[in-house]
Amino acid sequence: LATLTVSRSYDIVAVFLGDETYDASMSAPTAIKVKAKISIKGGKGKMTGKVTPAIGQKIKVQRRSKGTWKTIVRGLVYGSGKWSFVRARPGTYRVVVPAGKNLLGTTSKTVKIT
């Protein structure tokens, strides 16, 4: 049994090199997906945060309105993964990273903007 810790998505294979009794063999590739990590901070009229991994990662900023979440801004995060949203109306917000080919989707905690 082996433990593998990764910070981005990979396709992995298991390899047996063989021995006197068994021939060498290799498994089919298996996708290992990571879950995005979202940090979020709210303040007066703005939010800031960071998404990792951030390579071209889609994000959605959502505002709670009448009991449901409404997407108000969509964007892409690159490089450092840092993002900001300014001129936000007072309310409760969150950031969603949708699931992708090699990434599990996730939703941030909520923040209140005053």
C-alpha atoms as a PDB file:
ATOM      1  CA  LEU A   1       0.000   0.000   0.000  1.00  0.00           C
ATOM      2  CA  ALA A   2       1.376   3.403  -0.987  1.00  0.00           C
ATOM      3  CA  THR A   3       0.272   6.954  -0.278  1.00  0.00           C
ATOM      4  CA  LEU A   4       0.587   9.601  -2.970  1.00  0.00           C
ATOM      5  CA  THR A   5       0.186  13.305  -2.204  1.00  0.00           C
ATOM      6  CA  VAL A   6      -0.274  15.575  -5.212  1.00  0.00           C
ATOM      7  CA  SER A   7      -0.921  19.278  -5.696  1.00  0.00           C
ATOM      8  CA  ARG A   8      -2.228  19.008  -9.245  1.00  0.00           C
ATOM      9  CA  SER A   9      -4.002  16.382 -11.338  1.00  0.00           C
ATOM     10  CA  TYR A  10      -2.130  13.480 -12.900  1.00  0.00           C
ATOM     11  CA  ASP A  11      -2.675  10.281 -14.828  1.00  0.00           C
ATOM     12  CA  ILE A  12      -0.797   7.526 -13.032  1.00  0.00           C
ATOM     13  CA  VAL A  13       0.034   3.918 -13.776  1.00  0.00           C
ATOM     14  CA  ALA A  14       1.156   1.100 -11.505  1.00  0.00           C
ATOM     15  CA  VAL A  15       4.191  -0.813 -12.764  1.00  0.00           C
ATOM     16  CA  PHE A  16       5.411  -4.259 -11.713  1.00  0.00           C
ATOM     17  CA  LEU A  17       8.920  -4.941 -12.981  1.00  0.00           C
ATOM     18  CA  GLY A  18       8.484  -8.697 -12.875  1.00  0.00           C
ATOM     19  CA  ASP A  19      10.381 -11.429 -11.085  1.00  0.00           C
ATOM     20  CA  GLU A  20      11.326 -15.087 -11.562  1.00  0.00           C
ATOM     21  CA  THR A  21       7.662 -16.123 -11.364  1.00  0.00           C
ATOM     22  CA  TYR A  22       5.715 -13.290 -13.004  1.00  0.00           C
ATOM     23  CA  ASP A  23       6.255 -11.200 -16.119  1.00  0.00           C
ATOM     24  CA  ALA A  24       6.431  -7.422 -15.926  1.00  0.00           C
ATOM     25  CA  SER A  25       3.094  -5.646 -16.197  1.00  0.00           C
ATOM     26  CA  MET A  26       1.590  -2.176 -16.152  1.00  0.00           C
ATOM     27  CA  SER A  27      -1.907  -0.986 -15.253  1.00  0.00           C
ATOM     28  CA  ALA A  28      -4.096   1.185 -17.426  1.00  0.00           C
ATOM     29  CA  PRO A  29      -3.721   4.926 -16.723  1.00  0.00           C
ATOM     30  CA  THR A  30      -5.921   6.216 -13.901  1.00  0.00           C
ATOM     31  CA  ALA A  31      -6.792   9.888 -13.483  1.00  0.00           C
ATOM     32  CA  ILE A  32      -6.012  11.385 -10.095  1.00  0.00           C
ATOM     33  CA  LYS A  33      -8.065  14.553  -9.646  1.00  0.00           C
ATOM     34  CA  VAL A  34      -7.323  17.213  -7.065  1.00  0.00           C
ATOM     35  CA  LYS A  35      -9.824  19.436  -5.341  1.00  0.00           C
ATOM     36  CA  ALA A  36      -9.231  23.156  -5.760  1.00  0.00           C
ATOM     37  CA  LYS A  37      -8.497  25.078  -2.591  1.00  0.00           C
ATOM     38  CA  ILE A  38     -10.211  28.463  -2.250  1.00  0.00           C
ATOM     39  CA  SER A  39      -9.354  31.169   0.249  1.00  0.00           C
ATOM     40  CA  ILE A  40     -11.757  34.100   0.492  1.00  0.00           C
ATOM     41  CA  LYS A  41     -11.865  37.290   2.534  1.00  0.00           C
ATOM     42  CA  GLY A  42     -14.605  39.909   2.549  1.00  0.00           C
ATOM     43  CA  GLY A  43     -14.491  43.569   3.418  1.00  0.00           C
ATOM     44  CA  LYS A  44     -16.238  46.837   2.770  1.00  0.00           C
ATOM     45  CA  GLY A  45     -17.366  46.638  -0.852  1.00  0.00           C
ATOM     46  CA  LYS A  46     -14.781  44.069  -1.944  1.00  0.00           C
ATOM     47  CA  MET A  47     -13.607  40.460  -1.738  1.00  0.00           C
ATOM     48  CA  THR A  48     -10.175  38.966  -2.270  1.00  0.00           C
ATOM     49  CA  GLY A  49      -8.858  35.448  -2.314  1.00  0.00           C
ATOM     50  CA  LYS A  50      -6.750  32.776  -3.895  1.00  0.00           C
ATOM     51  CA  VAL A  51      -7.448  29.573  -5.822  1.00  0.00           C
ATOM     52  CA  THR A  52      -4.944  26.720  -6.124  1.00  0.00           C
ATOM     53  CA  PRO A  53      -4.155  25.134  -8.476  1.00  0.00           C
ATOM     54  CA  ALA A  54      -4.642  28.215 -10.613  1.00  0.00           C
ATOM     55  CA  ILE A  55      -3.527  27.387 -14.145  1.00  0.00           C
ATOM     56  CA  GLY A  56      -6.364  28.809 -16.238  1.00  0.00           C
ATOM     57  CA  GLN A  57      -8.879  27.841 -13.582  1.00  0.00           C
ATOM     58  CA  LYS A  58     -12.471  29.016 -14.051  1.00  0.00           C
ATOM     59  CA  ILE A  59     -14.172  30.687 -11.082  1.00  0.00           C
ATOM     60  CA  LYS A  60     -17.650  32.028 -10.467  1.00  0.00           C
ATOM     61  CA  VAL A  61     -18.483  34.714  -7.899  1.00  0.00           C
ATOM     62  CA  GLN A  62     -21.993  34.154  -6.563  1.00  0.00           C
ATOM     63  CA  ARG A  63     -24.302  36.320  -4.426  1.00  0.00           C
ATOM     64  CA  ARG A  64     -27.145  34.981  -2.313  1.00  0.00           C
ATOM     65  CA  SER A  65     -30.419  36.560  -3.409  1.00  0.00           C
ATOM     66  CA  LYS A  66     -33.886  35.572  -2.213  1.00  0.00           C
ATOM     67  CA  GLY A  67     -32.658  32.191  -0.956  1.00  0.00           C
ATOM     68  CA  THR A  68     -30.725  31.143  -4.076  1.00  0.00           C
ATOM     69  CA  TRP A  69     -27.193  31.643  -5.358  1.00  0.00           C
ATOM     70  CA  LYS A  70     -26.835  33.804  -8.473  1.00  0.00           C
ATOM     71  CA  THR A  71     -23.605  33.924 -10.489  1.00  0.00           C
ATOM     72  CA  ILE A  72     -22.694  37.582 -10.947  1.00  0.00           C
ATOM     73  CA  VAL A  73     -19.133  37.325 -12.301  1.00  0.00           C
ATOM     74  CA  ARG A  74     -17.173  34.634 -14.143  1.00  0.00           C
ATOM     75  CA  GLY A  75     -13.436  34.686 -14.593  1.00  0.00           C
ATOM     76  CA  LEU A  76     -10.184  32.793 -15.047  1.00  0.00           C
ATOM     77  CA  VAL A  77      -7.362  32.619 -12.525  1.00  0.00           C
ATOM     78  CA  TYR A  78      -3.715  32.287 -13.597  1.00  0.00           C
ATOM     79  CA  GLY A  79      -0.255  32.476 -12.060  1.00  0.00           C
ATOM     80  CA  SER A  80      -0.444  33.198  -8.350  1.00  0.00           C
ATOM     81  CA  GLY A  81      -4.139  32.296  -8.229  1.00  0.00           C
ATOM     82  CA  LYS A  82      -5.022  35.581  -6.543  1.00  0.00           C
ATOM     83  CA  TRP A  83      -8.318  37.245  -7.457  1.00  0.00           C
ATOM     84  CA  SER A  84     -10.356  40.226  -6.320  1.00  0.00           C
ATOM     85  CA  PHE A  85     -13.876  41.520  -6.789  1.00  0.00           C
ATOM     86  CA  VAL A  86     -14.482  45.208  -6.089  1.00  0.00           C
ATOM     87  CA  ARG A  87     -17.591  47.380  -5.921  1.00  0.00           C
ATOM     88  CA  ALA A  88     -19.569  44.494  -4.467  1.00  0.00           C
ATOM     89  CA  ARG A  89     -23.007  45.372  -3.131  1.00  0.00           C
ATOM     90  CA  PRO A  90     -23.685  44.461   0.497  1.00  0.00           C
ATOM     91  CA  GLY A  91     -24.681  40.821   0.837  1.00  0.00           C
ATOM     92  CA  THR A  92     -23.478  37.233   1.220  1.00  0.00           C
ATOM     93  CA  TYR A  93     -21.053  35.901  -1.384  1.00  0.00           C
ATOM     94  CA  ARG A  94     -19.108  32.762  -2.246  1.00  0.00           C
ATOM     95  CA  VAL A  95     -16.740  31.568  -4.979  1.00  0.00           C
ATOM     96  CA  VAL A  96     -17.306  28.369  -6.945  1.00  0.00           C
ATOM     97  CA  VAL A  97     -14.635  26.445  -8.843  1.00  0.00           C
ATOM     98  CA  PRO A  98     -16.519  24.186 -11.280  1.00  0.00           C
ATOM     99  CA  ALA A  99     -15.385  20.606 -11.804  1.00  0.00           C
ATOM    100  CA  GLY A 100     -13.246  20.126 -14.892  1.00  0.00           C
ATOM    101  CA  LYS A 101     -11.545  17.331 -16.785  1.00  0.00           C
ATOM    102  CA  ASN A 102      -8.810  16.980 -14.154  1.00  0.00           C
ATOM    103  CA  LEU A 103     -10.238  18.889 -11.210  1.00  0.00           C
ATOM    104  CA  LEU A 104     -12.916  18.251  -8.629  1.00  0.00           C
ATOM    105  CA  GLY A 105     -15.227  21.214  -8.142  1.00  0.00           C
ATOM    106  CA  THR A 106     -15.494  23.014  -4.829  1.00  0.00           C
ATOM    107  CA  THR A 107     -17.227  25.963  -3.187  1.00  0.00           C
ATOM    108  CA  SER A 108     -15.687  28.473  -0.785  1.00  0.00           C
ATOM    109  CA  LYS A 109     -17.047  29.425   2.577  1.00  0.00           C
ATOM    110  CA  THR A 110     -19.417  32.390   2.519  1.00  0.00           C
ATOM    111  CA  VAL A 111     -18.423  35.973   3.313  1.00  0.00           C
ATOM    112  CA  LYS A 112     -20.496  39.025   4.127  1.00  0.00           C
ATOM    113  CA  ILE A 113     -19.807  42.254   2.268  1.00  0.00           C
ATOM    114  CA  THR A 114     -20.814  45.482   3.989  1.00  0.00           C
END
